[in-house]
N, C-alpha and C. Protein backbone atom coordinates (compact mmCIF):
# COMPACT_ATOMS: atom_id res chain seq x y z
N MET A 1 -100.15 -35.56 -145.26
CA MET A 1 -99.51 -34.27 -145.37
C MET A 1 -99.21 -33.73 -143.98
N ASN A 2 -98.08 -33.07 -143.84
CA ASN A 2 -97.75 -32.37 -142.61
C ASN A 2 -98.43 -31.01 -142.62
N TRP A 3 -99.42 -30.86 -141.78
CA TRP A 3 -100.16 -29.60 -141.74
C TRP A 3 -99.36 -28.59 -140.96
N PRO A 4 -99.39 -27.34 -141.39
CA PRO A 4 -98.65 -26.32 -140.65
C PRO A 4 -99.30 -26.06 -139.29
N PRO A 5 -98.50 -25.60 -138.36
CA PRO A 5 -99.07 -25.24 -137.05
C PRO A 5 -99.94 -24.00 -137.21
N PRO A 6 -100.75 -23.70 -136.21
CA PRO A 6 -101.54 -22.48 -136.28
C PRO A 6 -100.65 -21.26 -136.44
N ALA A 7 -101.12 -20.30 -137.23
CA ALA A 7 -100.43 -19.02 -137.34
C ALA A 7 -100.81 -18.22 -136.10
N SER A 8 -99.82 -17.70 -135.39
CA SER A 8 -100.10 -17.00 -134.14
C SER A 8 -99.28 -15.73 -134.07
N ILE A 9 -99.92 -14.65 -133.64
CA ILE A 9 -99.25 -13.37 -133.49
C ILE A 9 -99.83 -12.65 -132.28
N SER A 10 -98.98 -11.92 -131.55
CA SER A 10 -99.44 -11.22 -130.36
C SER A 10 -99.02 -9.76 -130.39
N ALA A 11 -99.76 -8.95 -129.64
CA ALA A 11 -99.42 -7.54 -129.45
C ALA A 11 -99.82 -7.16 -128.03
N TRP A 12 -99.19 -6.14 -127.51
CA TRP A 12 -99.54 -5.62 -126.20
C TRP A 12 -100.08 -4.22 -126.40
N VAL A 13 -101.23 -3.94 -125.80
CA VAL A 13 -101.80 -2.59 -125.87
C VAL A 13 -102.09 -2.10 -124.46
N THR A 14 -102.07 -0.80 -124.29
CA THR A 14 -102.28 -0.23 -122.96
C THR A 14 -103.75 -0.17 -122.59
N ARG A 15 -104.62 -0.58 -123.47
CA ARG A 15 -106.05 -0.45 -123.25
C ARG A 15 -106.66 -1.67 -122.57
N PRO A 16 -107.32 -1.49 -121.43
CA PRO A 16 -108.03 -2.61 -120.82
C PRO A 16 -109.27 -2.99 -121.61
N ALA A 17 -109.79 -2.08 -122.43
CA ALA A 17 -111.01 -2.34 -123.22
C ALA A 17 -110.66 -2.87 -124.61
N ALA A 18 -109.60 -3.64 -124.72
CA ALA A 18 -109.12 -4.11 -126.02
C ALA A 18 -110.17 -4.92 -126.78
N PHE A 19 -110.92 -5.77 -126.09
CA PHE A 19 -111.95 -6.58 -126.75
C PHE A 19 -112.97 -5.67 -127.44
N THR A 20 -113.42 -4.65 -126.73
CA THR A 20 -114.41 -3.72 -127.28
C THR A 20 -113.84 -2.99 -128.50
N ILE A 21 -112.62 -2.53 -128.39
CA ILE A 21 -111.99 -1.85 -129.52
C ILE A 21 -111.86 -2.80 -130.70
N PHE A 22 -111.44 -4.03 -130.44
CA PHE A 22 -111.26 -5.00 -131.51
C PHE A 22 -112.57 -5.29 -132.22
N THR A 23 -113.63 -5.50 -131.47
CA THR A 23 -114.89 -5.94 -132.07
C THR A 23 -115.79 -4.80 -132.51
N GLU A 24 -116.04 -3.84 -131.63
CA GLU A 24 -116.98 -2.76 -131.96
C GLU A 24 -116.39 -1.72 -132.90
N HIS A 25 -115.07 -1.58 -132.90
CA HIS A 25 -114.43 -0.54 -133.70
C HIS A 25 -113.62 -1.10 -134.86
N ILE A 26 -113.85 -2.36 -135.24
CA ILE A 26 -113.08 -2.95 -136.33
C ILE A 26 -113.19 -2.13 -137.60
N GLY A 27 -114.34 -1.52 -137.83
CA GLY A 27 -114.52 -0.68 -139.01
C GLY A 27 -113.67 0.57 -139.00
N ASP A 28 -113.20 0.98 -137.81
CA ASP A 28 -112.34 2.15 -137.68
C ASP A 28 -110.87 1.81 -137.87
N TRP A 29 -110.44 0.65 -137.39
CA TRP A 29 -109.00 0.35 -137.43
C TRP A 29 -108.58 -0.57 -138.57
N TYR A 30 -109.51 -1.31 -139.14
CA TYR A 30 -109.17 -2.24 -140.22
C TYR A 30 -108.80 -1.44 -141.47
N VAL A 31 -107.66 -1.73 -142.03
CA VAL A 31 -107.18 -1.01 -143.21
C VAL A 31 -107.59 -1.80 -144.45
N GLY A 32 -108.61 -1.30 -145.13
CA GLY A 32 -109.10 -1.97 -146.33
C GLY A 32 -108.19 -1.69 -147.52
N GLY A 33 -108.62 -2.18 -148.65
CA GLY A 33 -107.86 -1.99 -149.88
C GLY A 33 -107.83 -3.29 -150.67
N ARG A 34 -107.25 -3.22 -151.83
CA ARG A 34 -107.22 -4.39 -152.72
C ARG A 34 -106.60 -5.61 -152.03
N HIS A 35 -105.65 -5.38 -151.17
CA HIS A 35 -104.95 -6.46 -150.48
C HIS A 35 -105.80 -7.11 -149.38
N ALA A 36 -106.84 -6.42 -148.93
CA ALA A 36 -107.51 -6.82 -147.70
C ALA A 36 -108.95 -7.30 -147.88
N TRP A 37 -109.54 -7.06 -149.00
CA TRP A 37 -110.96 -7.38 -149.19
C TRP A 37 -111.16 -8.61 -150.06
N HIS A 38 -112.26 -9.31 -149.83
CA HIS A 38 -112.63 -10.42 -150.71
C HIS A 38 -113.11 -9.88 -152.05
N ASP A 39 -113.84 -8.77 -152.01
CA ASP A 39 -114.29 -8.10 -153.24
C ASP A 39 -113.98 -6.61 -153.10
N PRO A 40 -112.77 -6.21 -153.48
CA PRO A 40 -112.35 -4.82 -153.24
C PRO A 40 -113.19 -3.79 -153.99
N ASP A 41 -113.86 -4.20 -155.07
CA ASP A 41 -114.68 -3.25 -155.80
C ASP A 41 -116.01 -2.94 -155.10
N ARG A 42 -116.43 -3.80 -154.20
CA ARG A 42 -117.70 -3.62 -153.50
C ARG A 42 -117.54 -3.26 -152.03
N ALA A 43 -116.43 -3.60 -151.44
CA ALA A 43 -116.25 -3.44 -149.99
C ALA A 43 -116.23 -1.97 -149.58
N VAL A 44 -116.99 -1.68 -148.52
CA VAL A 44 -117.01 -0.33 -147.95
C VAL A 44 -116.73 -0.35 -146.45
N GLY A 45 -116.54 -1.52 -145.88
CA GLY A 45 -116.28 -1.61 -144.45
C GLY A 45 -116.26 -3.04 -143.97
N ILE A 46 -116.16 -3.19 -142.66
CA ILE A 46 -116.11 -4.51 -142.04
C ILE A 46 -116.75 -4.39 -140.65
N ARG A 47 -117.42 -5.46 -140.20
CA ARG A 47 -118.05 -5.40 -138.88
C ARG A 47 -118.32 -6.79 -138.34
N PHE A 48 -118.49 -6.85 -137.02
CA PHE A 48 -118.95 -8.04 -136.32
C PHE A 48 -120.37 -7.80 -135.85
N GLU A 49 -121.20 -8.83 -135.92
CA GLU A 49 -122.49 -8.81 -135.24
C GLU A 49 -122.25 -9.48 -133.89
N PRO A 50 -122.42 -8.76 -132.78
CA PRO A 50 -122.04 -9.29 -131.47
C PRO A 50 -122.78 -10.57 -131.09
N GLY A 51 -122.07 -11.44 -130.38
CA GLY A 51 -122.66 -12.64 -129.81
C GLY A 51 -122.45 -13.88 -130.64
N VAL A 52 -122.57 -15.02 -129.97
CA VAL A 52 -122.43 -16.32 -130.64
C VAL A 52 -123.49 -16.41 -131.74
N GLY A 53 -123.06 -16.83 -132.92
CA GLY A 53 -123.95 -16.92 -134.07
C GLY A 53 -123.96 -15.66 -134.92
N GLY A 54 -123.38 -14.57 -134.39
CA GLY A 54 -123.28 -13.33 -135.16
C GLY A 54 -122.33 -13.51 -136.34
N ARG A 55 -122.51 -12.67 -137.32
CA ARG A 55 -121.67 -12.77 -138.52
C ARG A 55 -120.51 -11.79 -138.46
N TRP A 56 -119.43 -12.18 -139.12
CA TRP A 56 -118.30 -11.30 -139.39
C TRP A 56 -118.46 -10.94 -140.84
N LEU A 57 -118.68 -9.67 -141.15
CA LEU A 57 -119.05 -9.26 -142.50
C LEU A 57 -118.07 -8.28 -143.12
N GLU A 58 -117.79 -8.50 -144.40
CA GLU A 58 -117.20 -7.48 -145.25
C GLU A 58 -118.41 -6.72 -145.79
N VAL A 59 -118.56 -5.48 -145.39
CA VAL A 59 -119.75 -4.70 -145.72
C VAL A 59 -119.67 -4.22 -147.16
N TRP A 60 -120.75 -4.48 -147.92
CA TRP A 60 -120.86 -4.04 -149.31
C TRP A 60 -121.91 -2.94 -149.48
N ASP A 61 -122.81 -2.81 -148.53
CA ASP A 61 -123.87 -1.81 -148.61
C ASP A 61 -123.82 -0.97 -147.33
N ALA A 62 -123.36 0.27 -147.47
CA ALA A 62 -123.20 1.13 -146.30
C ALA A 62 -124.53 1.44 -145.62
N ASP A 63 -125.61 1.48 -146.39
CA ASP A 63 -126.91 1.81 -145.80
C ASP A 63 -127.46 0.68 -144.94
N THR A 64 -127.35 -0.56 -145.41
CA THR A 64 -127.92 -1.70 -144.67
C THR A 64 -126.90 -2.41 -143.79
N GLY A 65 -125.60 -2.23 -144.08
CA GLY A 65 -124.58 -2.95 -143.34
C GLY A 65 -124.39 -4.38 -143.80
N GLU A 66 -125.06 -4.75 -144.89
CA GLU A 66 -124.98 -6.12 -145.40
C GLU A 66 -123.79 -6.28 -146.34
N GLY A 67 -123.40 -7.53 -146.57
CA GLY A 67 -122.28 -7.80 -147.45
C GLY A 67 -121.92 -9.26 -147.46
N HIS A 68 -120.65 -9.53 -147.60
CA HIS A 68 -120.12 -10.89 -147.70
C HIS A 68 -119.79 -11.44 -146.31
N GLU A 69 -120.31 -12.61 -146.02
CA GLU A 69 -120.05 -13.25 -144.72
C GLU A 69 -118.65 -13.87 -144.73
N LEU A 70 -117.79 -13.33 -143.87
CA LEU A 70 -116.44 -13.87 -143.72
C LEU A 70 -116.40 -15.05 -142.77
N GLY A 71 -117.34 -15.07 -141.82
CA GLY A 71 -117.39 -16.15 -140.85
C GLY A 71 -118.51 -15.93 -139.84
N ILE A 72 -118.61 -16.89 -138.92
CA ILE A 72 -119.64 -16.87 -137.88
C ILE A 72 -118.94 -16.92 -136.52
N ILE A 73 -119.44 -16.11 -135.60
CA ILE A 73 -118.85 -16.09 -134.25
C ILE A 73 -119.23 -17.37 -133.51
N GLN A 74 -118.21 -18.08 -133.05
CA GLN A 74 -118.36 -19.33 -132.32
C GLN A 74 -118.33 -19.11 -130.80
N THR A 75 -117.46 -18.18 -130.38
CA THR A 75 -117.30 -17.86 -128.95
C THR A 75 -117.24 -16.35 -128.82
N TRP A 76 -118.04 -15.81 -127.90
CA TRP A 76 -118.08 -14.37 -127.65
C TRP A 76 -118.02 -14.18 -126.15
N GLU A 77 -116.82 -13.92 -125.64
CA GLU A 77 -116.60 -13.71 -124.22
C GLU A 77 -116.01 -12.31 -124.04
N PRO A 78 -116.89 -11.29 -123.94
CA PRO A 78 -116.40 -9.91 -123.87
C PRO A 78 -115.31 -9.74 -122.82
N GLY A 79 -114.25 -9.10 -123.26
CA GLY A 79 -113.11 -8.84 -122.39
C GLY A 79 -112.04 -9.90 -122.44
N SER A 80 -112.38 -11.12 -122.92
CA SER A 80 -111.36 -12.16 -122.85
C SER A 80 -111.15 -12.98 -124.12
N ARG A 81 -112.20 -13.25 -124.90
CA ARG A 81 -111.99 -14.21 -125.99
C ARG A 81 -113.05 -14.08 -127.08
N LEU A 82 -112.58 -14.19 -128.33
CA LEU A 82 -113.42 -14.20 -129.52
C LEU A 82 -112.94 -15.34 -130.40
N VAL A 83 -113.86 -16.21 -130.82
CA VAL A 83 -113.53 -17.26 -131.78
C VAL A 83 -114.52 -17.13 -132.93
N VAL A 84 -113.99 -17.10 -134.14
CA VAL A 84 -114.83 -16.92 -135.32
C VAL A 84 -114.37 -17.89 -136.41
N SER A 85 -115.33 -18.48 -137.13
CA SER A 85 -114.96 -19.29 -138.29
C SER A 85 -114.51 -18.34 -139.39
N TYR A 86 -113.75 -18.87 -140.34
CA TYR A 86 -113.26 -18.04 -141.45
C TYR A 86 -113.46 -18.76 -142.76
N ARG A 87 -114.22 -18.11 -143.64
CA ARG A 87 -114.46 -18.63 -144.99
C ARG A 87 -113.38 -18.09 -145.91
N HIS A 88 -112.70 -18.98 -146.59
CA HIS A 88 -111.58 -18.59 -147.44
C HIS A 88 -112.05 -18.19 -148.82
N PRO A 89 -111.54 -17.06 -149.33
CA PRO A 89 -111.95 -16.63 -150.66
C PRO A 89 -111.54 -17.65 -151.71
N GLY A 90 -112.42 -17.85 -152.67
CA GLY A 90 -112.14 -18.77 -153.77
C GLY A 90 -112.42 -20.22 -153.46
N LEU A 91 -112.84 -20.52 -152.23
CA LEU A 91 -113.18 -21.89 -151.86
C LEU A 91 -114.67 -21.95 -151.55
N PRO A 92 -115.26 -23.14 -151.58
CA PRO A 92 -116.66 -23.25 -151.16
C PRO A 92 -116.81 -22.78 -149.72
N PRO A 93 -118.06 -22.44 -149.30
CA PRO A 93 -118.28 -21.95 -147.92
C PRO A 93 -117.74 -22.89 -146.84
N GLU A 94 -117.76 -24.15 -147.10
CA GLU A 94 -117.19 -25.13 -146.18
C GLU A 94 -116.09 -25.85 -146.95
N PRO A 95 -115.00 -26.17 -146.34
CA PRO A 95 -114.70 -26.06 -144.92
C PRO A 95 -114.21 -24.65 -144.56
N THR A 96 -114.31 -24.35 -143.30
CA THR A 96 -113.77 -23.09 -142.77
C THR A 96 -112.59 -23.41 -141.87
N THR A 97 -111.79 -22.40 -141.63
CA THR A 97 -110.78 -22.50 -140.57
C THR A 97 -111.30 -21.67 -139.40
N GLU A 98 -110.47 -21.49 -138.39
CA GLU A 98 -110.94 -20.84 -137.17
C GLU A 98 -109.91 -19.82 -136.70
N ILE A 99 -110.40 -18.68 -136.28
CA ILE A 99 -109.54 -17.63 -135.73
C ILE A 99 -109.96 -17.39 -134.29
N GLU A 100 -108.99 -17.45 -133.39
CA GLU A 100 -109.24 -17.15 -131.99
C GLU A 100 -108.42 -15.93 -131.61
N VAL A 101 -109.07 -14.97 -130.97
CA VAL A 101 -108.37 -13.79 -130.46
C VAL A 101 -108.57 -13.78 -128.95
N ARG A 102 -107.45 -13.82 -128.21
CA ARG A 102 -107.49 -13.82 -126.75
C ARG A 102 -107.00 -12.47 -126.24
N PHE A 103 -107.65 -12.01 -125.18
CA PHE A 103 -107.35 -10.72 -124.56
C PHE A 103 -107.01 -11.01 -123.10
N VAL A 104 -105.73 -10.91 -122.77
CA VAL A 104 -105.28 -11.28 -121.43
C VAL A 104 -104.75 -10.03 -120.72
N PRO A 105 -105.36 -9.69 -119.57
CA PRO A 105 -104.86 -8.53 -118.82
C PRO A 105 -103.42 -8.76 -118.37
N VAL A 106 -102.61 -7.74 -118.56
CA VAL A 106 -101.23 -7.73 -118.07
C VAL A 106 -101.02 -6.38 -117.42
N ASP A 107 -99.87 -6.20 -116.76
CA ASP A 107 -99.59 -4.92 -116.10
C ASP A 107 -99.86 -3.77 -117.06
N SER A 108 -100.73 -2.89 -116.67
CA SER A 108 -101.10 -1.67 -117.39
C SER A 108 -101.46 -1.90 -118.86
N GLY A 109 -102.20 -2.97 -119.13
CA GLY A 109 -102.65 -3.18 -120.50
C GLY A 109 -103.25 -4.55 -120.75
N THR A 110 -103.21 -4.92 -122.01
CA THR A 110 -103.79 -6.20 -122.45
C THR A 110 -102.87 -6.82 -123.49
N ARG A 111 -102.61 -8.12 -123.34
CA ARG A 111 -101.91 -8.86 -124.39
C ARG A 111 -102.99 -9.44 -125.28
N VAL A 112 -102.89 -9.14 -126.57
CA VAL A 112 -103.86 -9.62 -127.56
C VAL A 112 -103.14 -10.62 -128.46
N THR A 113 -103.67 -11.85 -128.50
CA THR A 113 -103.06 -12.90 -129.31
C THR A 113 -104.08 -13.43 -130.30
N LEU A 114 -103.74 -13.41 -131.56
CA LEU A 114 -104.57 -13.94 -132.63
C LEU A 114 -103.95 -15.25 -133.10
N GLU A 115 -104.77 -16.30 -133.17
CA GLU A 115 -104.32 -17.60 -133.65
C GLU A 115 -105.28 -18.07 -134.74
N HIS A 116 -104.72 -18.41 -135.90
CA HIS A 116 -105.50 -18.93 -137.03
C HIS A 116 -105.14 -20.42 -137.17
N ARG A 117 -106.15 -21.27 -137.04
CA ARG A 117 -105.91 -22.72 -137.02
C ARG A 117 -106.96 -23.46 -137.85
N GLY A 118 -106.74 -24.75 -137.97
CA GLY A 118 -107.68 -25.59 -138.71
C GLY A 118 -107.29 -25.82 -140.16
N TRP A 119 -105.99 -25.69 -140.43
CA TRP A 119 -105.52 -25.84 -141.81
C TRP A 119 -105.84 -27.20 -142.39
N GLU A 120 -105.92 -28.22 -141.50
CA GLU A 120 -106.19 -29.57 -141.98
C GLU A 120 -107.58 -29.70 -142.60
N ARG A 121 -108.44 -28.72 -142.41
CA ARG A 121 -109.78 -28.74 -143.00
C ARG A 121 -109.78 -28.33 -144.47
N LEU A 122 -108.71 -27.66 -144.90
CA LEU A 122 -108.64 -27.16 -146.27
C LEU A 122 -108.00 -28.18 -147.19
N PRO A 123 -108.30 -28.10 -148.48
CA PRO A 123 -107.59 -28.94 -149.44
C PRO A 123 -106.09 -28.60 -149.38
N PRO A 124 -105.23 -29.62 -149.44
CA PRO A 124 -103.79 -29.36 -149.30
C PRO A 124 -103.26 -28.28 -150.24
N GLU A 125 -103.76 -28.24 -151.47
CA GLU A 125 -103.25 -27.24 -152.42
C GLU A 125 -103.65 -25.81 -152.04
N ALA A 126 -104.64 -25.66 -151.20
CA ALA A 126 -105.08 -24.32 -150.80
C ALA A 126 -104.33 -23.79 -149.58
N VAL A 127 -103.73 -24.68 -148.82
CA VAL A 127 -103.11 -24.26 -147.55
C VAL A 127 -102.03 -23.21 -147.77
N ALA A 128 -101.15 -23.43 -148.72
CA ALA A 128 -100.05 -22.48 -148.93
C ALA A 128 -100.57 -21.10 -149.31
N ALA A 129 -101.66 -21.05 -150.05
CA ALA A 129 -102.21 -19.76 -150.48
C ALA A 129 -102.79 -18.97 -149.31
N PHE A 130 -103.27 -19.67 -148.29
CA PHE A 130 -103.96 -18.98 -147.21
C PHE A 130 -103.18 -18.91 -145.91
N LEU A 131 -102.09 -19.61 -145.80
CA LEU A 131 -101.29 -19.57 -144.57
C LEU A 131 -100.46 -18.29 -144.61
N THR A 132 -101.03 -17.23 -144.08
CA THR A 132 -100.43 -15.91 -144.23
C THR A 132 -100.22 -15.22 -142.89
N PRO A 133 -99.25 -15.67 -142.10
CA PRO A 133 -99.01 -14.99 -140.84
C PRO A 133 -98.67 -13.52 -141.03
N ARG A 134 -98.08 -13.18 -142.20
CA ARG A 134 -97.77 -11.78 -142.47
C ARG A 134 -99.04 -10.93 -142.50
N ALA A 135 -100.11 -11.47 -143.11
CA ALA A 135 -101.38 -10.75 -143.16
C ALA A 135 -101.95 -10.57 -141.77
N TRP A 136 -101.90 -11.63 -140.95
CA TRP A 136 -102.43 -11.50 -139.59
C TRP A 136 -101.57 -10.56 -138.77
N GLY A 137 -100.28 -10.53 -139.04
CA GLY A 137 -99.40 -9.57 -138.36
C GLY A 137 -99.81 -8.14 -138.68
N ALA A 138 -100.18 -7.88 -139.93
CA ALA A 138 -100.64 -6.54 -140.32
C ALA A 138 -101.92 -6.21 -139.59
N LEU A 139 -102.85 -7.14 -139.51
CA LEU A 139 -104.12 -6.91 -138.85
C LEU A 139 -103.90 -6.57 -137.37
N VAL A 140 -103.07 -7.32 -136.70
CA VAL A 140 -102.79 -7.06 -135.28
C VAL A 140 -102.08 -5.71 -135.13
N ARG A 141 -101.18 -5.39 -136.05
CA ARG A 141 -100.50 -4.09 -136.00
C ARG A 141 -101.49 -2.94 -136.19
N TRP A 142 -102.43 -3.05 -137.16
CA TRP A 142 -103.45 -2.00 -137.37
C TRP A 142 -104.25 -1.78 -136.09
N PHE A 143 -104.68 -2.90 -135.49
CA PHE A 143 -105.45 -2.83 -134.25
C PHE A 143 -104.65 -2.15 -133.15
N SER A 144 -103.43 -2.59 -132.95
CA SER A 144 -102.57 -2.07 -131.89
C SER A 144 -102.32 -0.58 -132.08
N GLU A 145 -102.03 -0.16 -133.30
CA GLU A 145 -101.78 1.25 -133.58
C GLU A 145 -103.03 2.09 -133.31
N TYR A 146 -104.18 1.58 -133.71
CA TYR A 146 -105.43 2.31 -133.46
C TYR A 146 -105.70 2.41 -131.96
N ALA A 147 -105.54 1.31 -131.24
CA ALA A 147 -105.80 1.30 -129.80
C ALA A 147 -104.87 2.28 -129.08
N GLU A 148 -103.62 2.30 -129.45
CA GLU A 148 -102.67 3.21 -128.80
C GLU A 148 -102.95 4.66 -129.16
N SER A 149 -103.35 4.91 -130.40
CA SER A 149 -103.70 6.26 -130.81
C SER A 149 -104.93 6.74 -130.05
N ALA A 150 -105.92 5.87 -129.88
CA ALA A 150 -107.11 6.22 -129.12
C ALA A 150 -106.75 6.51 -127.67
N ALA A 151 -105.81 5.77 -127.11
CA ALA A 151 -105.38 5.99 -125.72
C ALA A 151 -104.72 7.37 -125.59
N ARG A 152 -103.90 7.74 -126.56
CA ARG A 152 -103.24 9.06 -126.52
C ARG A 152 -104.26 10.19 -126.64
N ARG A 153 -105.32 9.96 -127.41
CA ARG A 153 -106.37 10.98 -127.58
C ARG A 153 -107.29 11.03 -126.37
N GLY A 154 -107.25 9.98 -125.55
CA GLY A 154 -108.13 9.91 -124.39
C GLY A 154 -109.49 9.31 -124.70
N ASP A 155 -109.60 8.63 -125.85
CA ASP A 155 -110.87 7.95 -126.23
C ASP A 155 -111.13 6.75 -125.37
């Protein structure tokens, strides 16, 4: 089978602290809803546990912060790079694909690039269902809009 190339999308934000906003504030900028959650009836938020081995969670319990594990952080390089495995809904926990988010300083801001790769790990019939650059484009847009709004507020 001809596997699709990685889905890749970029945005430019004026914030030098883009990594921190992306990771620590994901619960503020991520737009939940039926379209965005693995279990929309239980989801109340989303978060990263910082550092390699930390979990990326769809939060189901607001008090404990526990919920559904979306993936595990593989690379945690504050300010420059985040790599996380991604568990696909409706499939067994393995195989996972991989999402890399790079934060590259540019004149008066940061270029943020998200790349979703590893399609060859999935069953061929599942690839079309999950190859969704449009969804990743929405995620990057939510992040970018939040970061720019925070910059205007002086946060």
